[in-house]
Amino acid sequence: MLKIIKGIKKGSKPEVIEPPPGPNGPSDVTVNHASRSAIPHAQLTNVKSQAITRTASPQPCVIEVTPMLKDVPISERHVLFIKKVNMCAVSFDFGDALKKVKEKEIKRQNLQELVDLVQSGSSKMNEIMQEEMVNMISVNIFRALPPAAYENTGAIDGDPEEDEMYLEPSWPHLQLVYELLLRYVVSPDTDTKVAKRFIDHSFVLSLLGLFDSEDPREREYLKTILHRVYGKFMVHRPFIRKAINNIFYRFIFETERHPGLGELLEILASIINGFAVPMKEEHKLFLTRALLPLHKAKYINYYHQQLSYCITQFVEKDYKLADIVIRGLLKYWPVTNCTKEILFLGELEEVLDATQPVEFQRCMVPLFRQVGRCINSPNFQVAERALFWWNNEHIVDLIAQNRDVILPILFAPLEKNILNHWNQAINGLSGNVRKMFIDMDADLFEECNNRFQEKEAMVNQMLEQRELTWKKLEAIAGEPGGDDMVMVN
């Protein structure tokens, strides 16, 4: 699910680049970058606004060809590195492909050189160089995102699949900047005690804001980078979980629109997999308050696979959560959306695979009442997906152990399908399930059949009585003055 980063190339001991000597030390070097300003936590309520740059506009910088770092003496590399970083902090307009072509190519070459430098580990950067590099990365990636397609058209309730895919025009540079950040985070030479001064909460929050990007290539990089940050910077872990939680809350209660929800859920799946058992109350609350309500959204199919995996991970970690999860899914069960019903049935099957008999007994009555309604669905795909549960051996075992409760619930839906369903395939599947119940317990099946026949007889008797009553009323109404008599009665 998450990209596997290739290992850093092994080589000789890295050379440490030190600032040039002098009375003023590093301060003799003019640093042209934008100072990073912290984004208030309150801006998390507006994800796109928090992606606006954390920095002011960089000072003018001359873009010129410079020698490669490996070709200059170690004593000069610090100044040259800072110069290259400053040139990379300059942004270009990619709306016009013919504008400043030479300068764009110089920046691309410098970014590629920085990526190779960090990836090879041949030269160890000092703290000043790391700070300048992270500042340059911030200038490039933390920007105002363009309006989403639905914001331009005003079709807020439209299908996201119908939105035109947006691709970032500056991707030739932006990709290298993301690659540089990724290599910096995963590098064994990166000391977290030093790096956490630059990759702080404000940086992480802005990074999360970028998941609102419409460009899938950018979200893929962000997913890998955030996952690596979570793994390397333990101090940020609670903050990242809380920030993702807040994004989910805003999606659930306000927008129901977020292009990066699938990527965030993929990160969470990896995080959930590392939760210790017994699970903390904080994680259980996250399940009930954030993950389960994500099933409310109309267009859940765009992230359901990742969401279902996260839910199943919780149940596999702690089987006692199965009852909470199943009841939560029943709470948000769709009424008129057949596509969502099919997704829910598939997710429930995965959850039941990890469910123990004791937890199953707690929720089997409301669960199979809903399954019965699905079996009788006029949409044959919903009915077929529900009947396919009987191909799962674990679910069949759970049903067999509790057949005295489940069969009375499902008997009527199965009989109605066999007699009246318009789709022949559903008739056949219902008959197969009926035969499985007969094989499980013929006496119980006969008892249920007798009850069903008695109930049907009572229903038919009531219908006949109602028909007779209407005929009497019609006869009375047909007599002279009968209308007045009917009204008096």
Protein backbone atom coordinates (compact mmCIF):
# COMPACT_ATOMS: atom_id res chain seq x y z
CA MET A 1 0.00 0.00 0.00
CA LEU A 2 2.79 2.39 0.85
CA LYS A 3 5.86 2.91 -1.30
CA ILE A 4 8.95 1.01 -0.22
CA ILE A 5 11.92 3.34 -0.30
CA LYS A 6 15.11 1.90 -1.71
CA GLY A 7 17.96 1.75 0.73
CA ILE A 8 20.56 4.48 0.90
CA LYS A 9 23.65 3.60 -1.06
CA LYS A 10 26.50 2.43 1.07
CA GLY A 11 29.82 4.11 0.57
CA SER A 12 32.74 5.65 2.32
CA LYS A 13 32.37 7.76 5.43
CA PRO A 14 30.49 10.96 4.53
CA GLU A 15 32.39 14.21 4.40
CA VAL A 16 31.14 16.82 6.86
CA ILE A 17 30.58 20.19 5.18
CA GLU A 18 31.37 22.97 7.62
CA PRO A 19 30.61 26.71 7.34
CA PRO A 20 33.51 28.75 5.93
CA PRO A 21 35.91 30.16 8.55
CA GLY A 22 35.83 33.86 9.30
CA PRO A 23 35.18 36.39 12.04
CA ASN A 24 31.48 36.25 11.40
CA GLY A 25 31.34 32.56 10.47
CA PRO A 26 28.28 31.56 8.53
CA SER A 27 26.71 35.01 8.85
CA ASP A 28 28.96 36.25 6.03
CA VAL A 29 26.78 34.28 3.63
CA THR A 30 23.65 36.04 2.36
CA VAL A 31 20.74 33.69 2.74
CA ASN A 32 17.90 34.43 0.34
CA HIS A 33 15.00 32.40 1.61
CA ALA A 34 11.63 32.99 3.13
CA SER A 35 11.35 32.61 6.88
CA ARG A 36 8.86 29.94 7.88
CA SER A 37 5.98 31.21 9.95
CA ALA A 38 3.93 28.88 12.11
CA ILE A 39 0.37 28.19 11.05
CA PRO A 40 -2.15 28.46 13.89
CA HIS A 41 -3.86 25.23 14.82
CA ALA A 42 -7.23 26.88 14.20
CA GLN A 43 -6.48 26.91 10.49
CA LEU A 44 -7.04 23.17 10.45
CA THR A 45 -10.72 23.96 9.92
CA ASN A 46 -9.81 25.29 6.50
CA VAL A 47 -7.54 22.74 4.92
CA LYS A 48 -6.91 24.62 1.71
CA SER A 49 -6.03 27.87 3.44
CA GLN A 50 -3.48 26.12 5.65
CA ALA A 51 -1.65 24.91 2.53
CA ILE A 52 -0.80 28.53 1.74
CA THR A 53 2.91 29.09 2.06
CA ARG A 54 4.40 29.29 5.53
CA THR A 55 6.95 31.73 4.16
CA ALA A 56 7.16 35.20 2.78
CA SER A 57 8.28 35.78 -0.80
CA PRO A 58 12.00 35.09 -1.25
CA GLN A 59 14.37 37.94 -2.03
CA PRO A 60 15.52 38.30 -5.65
CA CYS A 61 18.12 35.70 -6.54
CA VAL A 62 20.24 35.47 -9.69
CA ILE A 63 19.71 32.14 -11.45
CA GLU A 64 23.03 31.13 -12.98
CA VAL A 65 24.98 28.01 -13.79
CA THR A 66 27.20 26.90 -10.91
CA PRO A 67 29.75 24.10 -10.59
CA MET A 68 28.68 20.83 -9.04
CA LEU A 69 29.26 20.40 -5.31
CA LYS A 70 31.51 17.40 -5.80
CA ASP A 71 33.80 19.42 -8.09
CA VAL A 72 34.69 22.14 -5.56
CA PRO A 73 36.89 21.93 -2.44
CA ILE A 74 35.17 20.99 0.82
CA SER A 75 35.89 24.47 2.21
CA GLU A 76 33.74 26.05 -0.55
CA ARG A 77 30.86 23.61 -0.53
CA HIS A 78 28.90 25.31 2.26
CA VAL A 79 28.66 28.61 0.37
CA LEU A 80 27.87 26.84 -2.92
CA PHE A 81 25.23 24.65 -1.25
CA ILE A 82 23.48 27.71 0.20
CA LYS A 83 23.63 29.41 -3.20
CA LYS A 84 22.05 26.42 -4.94
CA VAL A 85 19.35 26.19 -2.27
CA ASN A 86 18.53 29.89 -2.71
CA MET A 87 18.22 29.45 -6.47
CA CYS A 88 15.88 26.51 -5.90
CA ALA A 89 13.68 28.70 -3.69
CA VAL A 90 12.71 30.81 -6.70
CA SER A 91 9.30 29.90 -8.15
CA PHE A 92 8.51 29.98 -11.86
CA ASP A 93 5.35 30.36 -13.89
CA PHE A 94 4.69 27.08 -15.70
CA GLY A 95 1.63 28.47 -17.44
CA ASP A 96 3.91 29.60 -20.26
CA ALA A 97 6.21 26.77 -21.38
CA LEU A 98 8.46 29.18 -23.31
CA LYS A 99 9.06 31.56 -20.43
CA LYS A 100 12.46 31.43 -18.67
CA VAL A 101 13.29 28.00 -20.06
CA LYS A 102 17.00 28.29 -19.17
CA GLU A 103 16.33 29.31 -15.54
CA LYS A 104 13.83 26.49 -15.11
CA GLU A 105 16.36 23.96 -16.35
CA ILE A 106 19.06 25.32 -14.01
CA LYS A 107 16.69 24.95 -11.05
CA ARG A 108 15.79 21.42 -12.12
CA GLN A 109 19.46 20.44 -12.36
CA ASN A 110 20.20 21.95 -8.93
CA LEU A 111 17.27 20.11 -7.37
CA GLN A 112 18.42 16.85 -8.93
CA GLU A 113 21.93 17.43 -7.58
CA LEU A 114 20.57 18.04 -4.07
CA VAL A 115 18.48 14.85 -4.29
CA ASP A 116 21.55 12.85 -5.33
CA LEU A 117 23.61 14.43 -2.55
CA VAL A 118 21.12 13.51 0.18
CA GLN A 119 20.42 10.06 -1.25
CA SER A 120 24.10 9.08 -1.58
CA GLY A 121 25.00 10.27 1.91
CA SER A 122 28.47 11.18 0.57
CA SER A 123 28.43 14.57 2.31
CA LYS A 124 26.90 15.13 5.71
CA MET A 125 25.05 18.43 5.97
CA ASN A 126 25.48 20.66 8.99
CA GLU A 127 22.54 22.18 10.85
CA ILE A 128 22.54 25.46 8.92
CA MET A 129 22.43 23.65 5.59
CA GLN A 130 19.56 21.45 6.76
CA GLU A 131 17.57 24.45 7.91
CA GLU A 132 18.07 26.29 4.63
CA MET A 133 17.13 23.22 2.64
CA VAL A 134 13.90 22.66 4.63
CA ASN A 135 13.07 26.38 4.23
CA MET A 136 13.52 26.04 0.48
CA ILE A 137 11.28 22.96 0.43
CA SER A 138 8.63 24.90 2.36
CA VAL A 139 8.71 27.76 -0.15
CA ASN A 140 8.13 25.33 -3.02
CA ILE A 141 5.44 23.00 -1.68
CA PHE A 142 3.42 25.12 0.76
CA ARG A 143 1.35 27.15 -1.64
CA ALA A 144 -2.25 28.14 -2.29
CA LEU A 145 -3.99 25.22 -3.99
CA PRO A 146 -6.26 25.99 -6.95
CA PRO A 147 -10.02 25.64 -6.45
CA ALA A 148 -11.39 22.15 -6.87
CA ALA A 149 -13.44 21.37 -9.98
CA TYR A 150 -16.72 21.29 -8.06
CA GLU A 151 -15.95 24.72 -6.56
CA ASN A 152 -15.60 26.20 -10.03
CA THR A 153 -18.80 24.64 -11.35
CA GLY A 154 -20.84 24.94 -8.15
CA ALA A 155 -21.86 21.27 -8.42
CA ILE A 156 -21.20 20.48 -4.75
CA ASP A 157 -23.42 17.37 -4.78
CA GLY A 158 -22.03 16.06 -8.06
CA ASP A 159 -20.16 12.80 -8.50
CA PRO A 160 -16.39 13.32 -7.96
CA GLU A 161 -15.78 10.89 -10.83
CA GLU A 162 -17.20 13.48 -13.20
CA ASP A 163 -14.72 16.14 -12.06
CA GLU A 164 -11.84 16.84 -14.41
CA MET A 165 -8.49 15.63 -13.09
CA TYR A 166 -6.14 18.48 -12.27
CA LEU A 167 -2.40 18.02 -12.81
CA GLU A 168 0.02 20.50 -11.23
CA PRO A 169 1.83 22.40 -14.05
CA SER A 170 4.99 22.87 -11.93
CA TRP A 171 5.32 19.11 -11.33
CA PRO A 172 8.77 18.84 -13.04
CA HIS A 173 10.17 20.93 -10.15
CA LEU A 174 7.68 19.93 -7.47
CA GLN A 175 8.40 16.22 -7.89
CA LEU A 176 12.12 16.79 -7.26
CA VAL A 177 11.34 18.92 -4.19
CA TYR A 178 9.16 16.12 -2.76
CA GLU A 179 11.83 13.57 -3.62
CA LEU A 180 14.41 15.71 -1.79
CA LEU A 181 12.18 15.93 1.30
CA LEU A 182 11.55 12.18 1.22
CA ARG A 183 15.26 11.36 0.93
CA TYR A 184 16.04 13.77 3.75
CA VAL A 185 13.48 12.18 6.06
CA VAL A 186 14.53 8.59 5.38
CA SER A 187 18.28 9.28 5.35
CA PRO A 188 20.18 7.57 8.21
CA ASP A 189 22.32 10.72 8.43
CA THR A 190 19.26 12.79 9.44
CA ASP A 191 19.35 13.31 13.21
CA THR A 192 15.77 13.59 14.48
CA LYS A 193 16.89 15.78 17.39
CA VAL A 194 18.12 18.34 14.88
CA ALA A 195 15.53 17.80 12.15
CA LYS A 196 12.55 18.18 14.49
CA ARG A 197 13.46 21.89 14.84
CA PHE A 198 12.60 22.36 11.16
CA ILE A 199 10.06 19.57 10.63
CA ASP A 200 7.88 20.78 13.47
CA HIS A 201 4.15 20.69 14.15
CA SER A 202 3.57 23.66 11.87
CA PHE A 203 5.41 21.90 9.03
CA VAL A 204 3.42 18.69 9.57
CA LEU A 205 0.12 20.58 9.68
CA SER A 206 0.91 22.31 6.39
CA LEU A 207 1.91 18.97 4.92
CA LEU A 208 -1.49 17.54 5.89
CA GLY A 209 -3.18 20.53 4.26
CA LEU A 210 -1.62 19.58 0.95
CA PHE A 211 -3.57 16.30 0.89
CA ASP A 212 -6.39 18.47 -0.46
CA SER A 213 -4.46 18.65 -3.75
CA GLU A 214 -6.33 17.38 -6.80
CA ASP A 215 -3.11 15.97 -8.30
CA PRO A 216 -2.86 12.23 -7.47
CA ARG A 217 0.93 12.26 -8.03
CA GLU A 218 1.36 14.85 -5.31
CA ARG A 219 -0.88 12.97 -2.87
CA GLU A 220 1.11 9.78 -3.47
CA TYR A 221 4.35 11.53 -2.46
CA LEU A 222 2.65 13.17 0.54
CA LYS A 223 1.36 9.78 1.71
CA THR A 224 4.84 8.25 1.66
CA ILE A 225 6.50 11.27 3.27
CA LEU A 226 3.95 11.60 6.09
CA HIS A 227 4.20 7.89 6.80
CA ARG A 228 7.99 8.18 7.08
CA VAL A 229 7.71 11.27 9.29
CA TYR A 230 5.32 9.38 11.58
CA GLY A 231 7.74 6.48 11.80
CA LYS A 232 10.88 8.55 12.39
CA PHE A 233 9.65 11.44 14.56
CA MET A 234 7.95 9.83 17.54
CA VAL A 235 7.33 13.24 19.10
CA HIS A 236 4.92 14.05 16.24
CA ARG A 237 2.83 10.87 16.41
CA PRO A 238 -0.01 12.04 18.72
CA PHE A 239 -0.19 15.35 16.86
CA ILE A 240 -0.44 13.64 13.44
CA ARG A 241 -3.21 11.32 14.66
CA LYS A 242 -5.15 14.24 16.11
CA ALA A 243 -4.72 16.35 12.97
CA ILE A 244 -5.95 13.51 10.73
CA ASN A 245 -8.85 13.06 13.13
CA ASN A 246 -9.81 16.73 12.66
CA ILE A 247 -9.67 16.38 8.86
CA PHE A 248 -12.09 13.46 9.12
CA TYR A 249 -14.44 15.44 11.37
CA ARG A 250 -14.56 18.29 8.88
CA PHE A 251 -15.24 15.84 6.06
CA ILE A 252 -18.04 14.09 7.99
CA PHE A 253 -19.86 17.14 9.36
CA GLU A 254 -19.13 19.86 6.78
CA THR A 255 -17.79 19.16 3.32
CA GLU A 256 -18.05 15.43 2.41
CA ARG A 257 -15.34 16.36 -0.10
CA HIS A 258 -11.64 15.58 0.26
CA PRO A 259 -9.51 14.12 -2.54
CA GLY A 260 -6.83 12.82 -0.18
CA LEU A 261 -9.02 10.75 2.12
CA GLY A 262 -7.92 7.46 0.59
CA GLU A 263 -4.23 8.28 1.07
CA LEU A 264 -4.79 9.36 4.69
CA LEU A 265 -6.62 6.09 5.37
CA GLU A 266 -3.72 4.12 3.89
CA ILE A 267 -1.38 5.83 6.34
CA LEU A 268 -3.78 5.07 9.17
CA ALA A 269 -3.94 1.40 8.20
CA SER A 270 -0.20 1.16 8.77
CA ILE A 271 -0.52 3.09 12.05
CA ILE A 272 -3.36 0.86 13.29
CA ASN A 273 -1.29 -2.19 12.49
CA GLY A 274 1.28 -0.98 15.03
CA PHE A 275 -1.19 -0.36 17.87
CA ALA A 276 -0.36 -2.25 21.04
CA VAL A 277 -2.87 -4.65 22.62
CA PRO A 278 -4.87 -4.06 24.79
CA MET A 279 -5.88 -1.06 22.75
CA LYS A 280 -5.96 2.39 24.33
CA GLU A 281 -9.30 4.10 24.88
CA GLU A 282 -8.11 6.93 22.61
CA HIS A 283 -7.86 4.53 19.66
CA LYS A 284 -11.30 3.02 20.35
CA LEU A 285 -12.83 6.51 20.38
CA PHE A 286 -11.13 7.22 17.07
CA LEU A 287 -12.83 4.14 15.64
CA THR A 288 -16.31 5.06 16.83
CA ARG A 289 -16.16 8.84 16.34
CA ALA A 290 -14.14 9.18 13.14
CA LEU A 291 -13.79 5.95 11.15
CA LEU A 292 -17.30 4.51 11.45
CA PRO A 293 -19.06 7.84 10.61
CA LEU A 294 -17.02 7.97 7.38
CA HIS A 295 -19.57 5.43 6.10
CA LYS A 296 -22.16 8.23 5.98
CA ALA A 297 -20.74 9.87 2.85
CA LYS A 298 -22.63 9.41 -0.40
CA TYR A 299 -19.56 8.74 -2.55
CA ILE A 300 -17.86 6.33 -0.17
CA ASN A 301 -16.69 4.14 -3.06
CA TYR A 302 -13.67 6.42 -3.63
CA TYR A 303 -12.08 5.47 -0.32
CA HIS A 304 -14.09 2.47 0.87
CA GLN A 305 -11.36 -0.09 0.18
CA GLN A 306 -8.91 1.74 2.47
CA LEU A 307 -11.61 2.42 5.08
CA SER A 308 -12.70 -1.22 5.13
CA TYR A 309 -9.10 -2.32 5.65
CA CYS A 310 -8.72 0.06 8.63
CA ILE A 311 -11.95 -1.22 10.19
CA THR A 312 -10.91 -4.85 9.73
CA GLN A 313 -7.52 -4.06 11.29
CA PHE A 314 -9.24 -2.90 14.46
CA VAL A 315 -11.27 -6.11 14.74
CA GLU A 316 -8.22 -8.28 14.07
CA LYS A 317 -6.33 -6.38 16.80
CA ASP A 318 -9.14 -6.65 19.33
CA TYR A 319 -11.95 -9.13 18.56
CA LYS A 320 -14.14 -7.51 21.25
CA LEU A 321 -14.60 -4.53 18.92
CA ALA A 322 -16.56 -6.65 16.41
CA ASP A 323 -19.91 -5.91 18.05
CA ILE A 324 -19.22 -2.14 18.02
CA VAL A 325 -18.14 -2.24 14.37
CA ILE A 326 -21.11 -4.32 13.17
CA ARG A 327 -23.64 -2.17 15.00
CA GLY A 328 -21.90 0.93 13.67
CA LEU A 329 -22.23 -0.31 10.08
CA LEU A 330 -25.91 -1.13 10.68
CA LYS A 331 -26.42 2.39 12.02
CA TYR A 332 -25.14 3.97 8.80
CA TRP A 333 -26.72 1.39 6.48
CA PRO A 334 -27.85 3.00 3.20
CA VAL A 335 -31.57 3.03 2.46
CA THR A 336 -31.73 3.83 -1.26
CA ASN A 337 -28.12 3.50 -2.46
CA CYS A 338 -27.63 -0.04 -3.79
CA THR A 339 -23.95 0.52 -4.64
CA LYS A 340 -23.23 1.37 -1.01
CA GLU A 341 -25.21 -1.66 0.18
CA ILE A 342 -22.99 -3.97 -1.86
CA LEU A 343 -19.89 -2.32 -0.36
CA PHE A 344 -21.30 -2.65 3.17
CA LEU A 345 -22.08 -6.34 2.65
CA GLY A 346 -18.53 -6.98 1.48
CA GLU A 347 -17.08 -5.10 4.45
CA LEU A 348 -19.31 -6.97 6.89
CA GLU A 349 -18.12 -10.27 5.47
CA GLU A 350 -14.49 -9.26 6.11
CA VAL A 351 -15.38 -8.19 9.67
CA LEU A 352 -17.23 -11.44 10.34
CA ASP A 353 -14.16 -13.38 9.20
CA ALA A 354 -12.37 -11.97 12.27
CA THR A 355 -15.38 -12.22 14.62
CA GLN A 356 -15.48 -14.72 17.49
CA PRO A 357 -18.70 -16.64 18.35
CA VAL A 358 -19.34 -14.71 21.60
CA GLU A 359 -19.19 -11.32 19.85
CA PHE A 360 -21.26 -12.66 16.97
CA GLN A 361 -24.09 -13.67 19.32
CA ARG A 362 -24.36 -10.11 20.66
CA CYS A 363 -25.24 -8.59 17.31
CA MET A 364 -26.62 -11.47 15.20
CA VAL A 365 -30.31 -10.53 15.55
CA PRO A 366 -30.13 -6.97 14.13
CA LEU A 367 -27.44 -8.12 11.68
CA PHE A 368 -29.51 -10.88 10.08
CA ARG A 369 -32.67 -8.78 10.06
CA GLN A 370 -30.75 -6.45 7.77
CA VAL A 371 -29.37 -9.39 5.78
CA GLY A 372 -32.94 -10.62 5.34
CA ARG A 373 -33.94 -7.24 3.88
CA CYS A 374 -30.95 -7.42 1.53
CA ILE A 375 -31.91 -10.94 0.43
CA ASN A 376 -35.35 -9.61 -0.54
CA SER A 377 -33.91 -6.55 -2.33
CA PRO A 378 -35.37 -6.03 -5.82
CA ASN A 379 -31.84 -5.12 -6.90
CA PHE A 380 -30.43 -8.53 -7.81
CA GLN A 381 -26.81 -7.47 -7.13
CA VAL A 382 -27.61 -6.63 -3.51
CA ALA A 383 -29.52 -9.89 -3.03
CA GLU A 384 -26.75 -11.88 -4.74
CA ARG A 385 -24.02 -10.29 -2.58
CA ALA A 386 -25.96 -11.16 0.59
CA LEU A 387 -26.54 -14.75 -0.51
CA PHE A 388 -22.84 -15.14 -1.35
CA TRP A 389 -22.15 -15.05 2.41
CA TRP A 390 -23.05 -18.73 2.45
CA ASN A 391 -19.90 -19.42 0.41
CA ASN A 392 -17.80 -18.33 3.41
CA GLU A 393 -17.06 -21.30 5.66
CA HIS A 394 -16.46 -19.23 8.82
CA ILE A 395 -19.77 -17.39 8.44
CA VAL A 396 -21.59 -20.65 7.74
CA ASP A 397 -20.09 -22.12 10.94
CA LEU A 398 -21.27 -19.11 12.96
CA ILE A 399 -24.75 -19.42 11.42
CA ALA A 400 -24.85 -23.18 12.10
CA GLN A 401 -23.95 -22.65 15.76
CA ASN A 402 -26.81 -20.14 16.13
CA ARG A 403 -29.30 -21.58 13.62
CA ASP A 404 -32.13 -21.65 16.15
CA VAL A 405 -32.05 -17.81 16.20
CA ILE A 406 -31.00 -17.04 12.61
CA LEU A 407 -33.19 -19.45 10.63
CA PRO A 408 -36.52 -18.05 11.99
CA ILE A 409 -35.33 -14.59 10.89
CA LEU A 410 -34.26 -15.65 7.39
CA PHE A 411 -36.91 -18.26 6.62
CA ALA A 412 -39.55 -15.85 5.31
CA PRO A 413 -37.15 -13.82 3.10
CA LEU A 414 -35.79 -17.02 1.55
CA GLU A 415 -39.27 -18.44 0.84
CA LYS A 416 -40.44 -15.15 -0.68
CA ASN A 417 -37.37 -15.09 -2.93
CA ILE A 418 -37.95 -18.64 -4.13
CA LEU A 419 -41.62 -17.91 -4.87
CA ASN A 420 -41.61 -14.33 -6.11
CA HIS A 421 -38.18 -12.86 -6.96
CA TRP A 422 -37.97 -11.72 -10.57
CA ASN A 423 -34.35 -12.88 -11.07
CA GLN A 424 -33.83 -16.58 -11.70
CA ALA A 425 -30.27 -16.55 -10.34
CA ILE A 426 -31.60 -15.23 -7.01
CA ASN A 427 -34.26 -17.95 -7.01
CA GLY A 428 -31.53 -20.57 -7.39
CA LEU A 429 -29.20 -19.09 -4.76
CA SER A 430 -32.08 -18.79 -2.28
CA GLY A 431 -32.92 -22.42 -2.90
CA ASN A 432 -29.30 -23.43 -2.24
CA VAL A 433 -29.26 -21.56 1.08
CA ARG A 434 -32.61 -23.13 2.00
CA LYS A 435 -31.13 -26.59 1.35
CA MET A 436 -28.12 -25.78 3.56
CA PHE A 437 -30.47 -24.95 6.43
CA ILE A 438 -32.32 -28.24 5.88
CA ASP A 439 -29.00 -30.10 6.09
CA MET A 440 -28.08 -28.22 9.27
CA ASP A 441 -31.28 -29.05 11.16
CA ALA A 442 -34.24 -30.64 9.38
CA ASP A 443 -36.47 -30.56 12.48
CA LEU A 444 -35.88 -26.84 13.05
CA PHE A 445 -36.52 -26.16 9.37
CA GLU A 446 -39.82 -28.07 9.52
CA GLU A 447 -40.84 -26.12 12.60
CA CYS A 448 -40.05 -22.81 10.87
CA ASN A 449 -41.92 -23.97 7.78
CA ASN A 450 -45.04 -24.76 9.85
CA ARG A 451 -44.89 -21.32 11.51
CA PHE A 452 -44.48 -19.69 8.11
CA GLN A 453 -47.47 -21.59 6.68
CA GLU A 454 -49.63 -20.67 9.70
CA LYS A 455 -48.64 -17.04 9.38
CA GLU A 456 -49.33 -17.02 5.64
CA ALA A 457 -52.73 -18.63 6.29
CA MET A 458 -53.56 -15.91 8.81
CA VAL A 459 -52.48 -13.23 6.38
CA ASN A 460 -54.61 -14.75 3.61
CA GLN A 461 -57.58 -14.98 5.97
CA MET A 462 -57.19 -11.30 6.88
CA LEU A 463 -57.02 -10.38 3.20
CA GLU A 464 -60.17 -12.37 2.47
CA GLN A 465 -61.98 -10.72 5.38
CA ARG A 466 -60.90 -7.31 4.15
CA GLU A 467 -62.11 -8.14 0.63
CA LEU A 468 -65.52 -9.22 2.00
CA THR A 469 -65.83 -6.03 4.01
CA TRP A 470 -65.16 -3.92 0.90
CA LYS A 471 -67.73 -5.88 -1.09
CA LYS A 472 -70.35 -5.28 1.62
CA LEU A 473 -69.56 -1.56 1.58
CA GLU A 474 -69.85 -1.48 -2.21
CA ALA A 475 -73.19 -3.31 -2.06
CA ILE A 476 -74.56 -0.90 0.53
CA ALA A 477 -73.29 2.09 -1.45
CA GLY A 478 -75.07 0.73 -4.58
CA GLU A 479 -78.54 0.72 -2.89
CA PRO A 480 -80.84 3.82 -3.05
CA GLY A 481 -79.71 6.18 -0.29
CA GLY A 482 -76.80 3.89 0.37
CA ASP A 483 -74.24 6.68 0.21
CA ASP A 484 -75.86 8.44 3.19
CA MET A 485 -76.06 5.16 5.11
CA VAL A 486 -72.33 4.44 4.52
CA MET A 487 -71.47 7.92 5.76
CA VAL A 488 -73.62 7.46 8.89
CA ASN A 489 -72.05 4.10 9.59
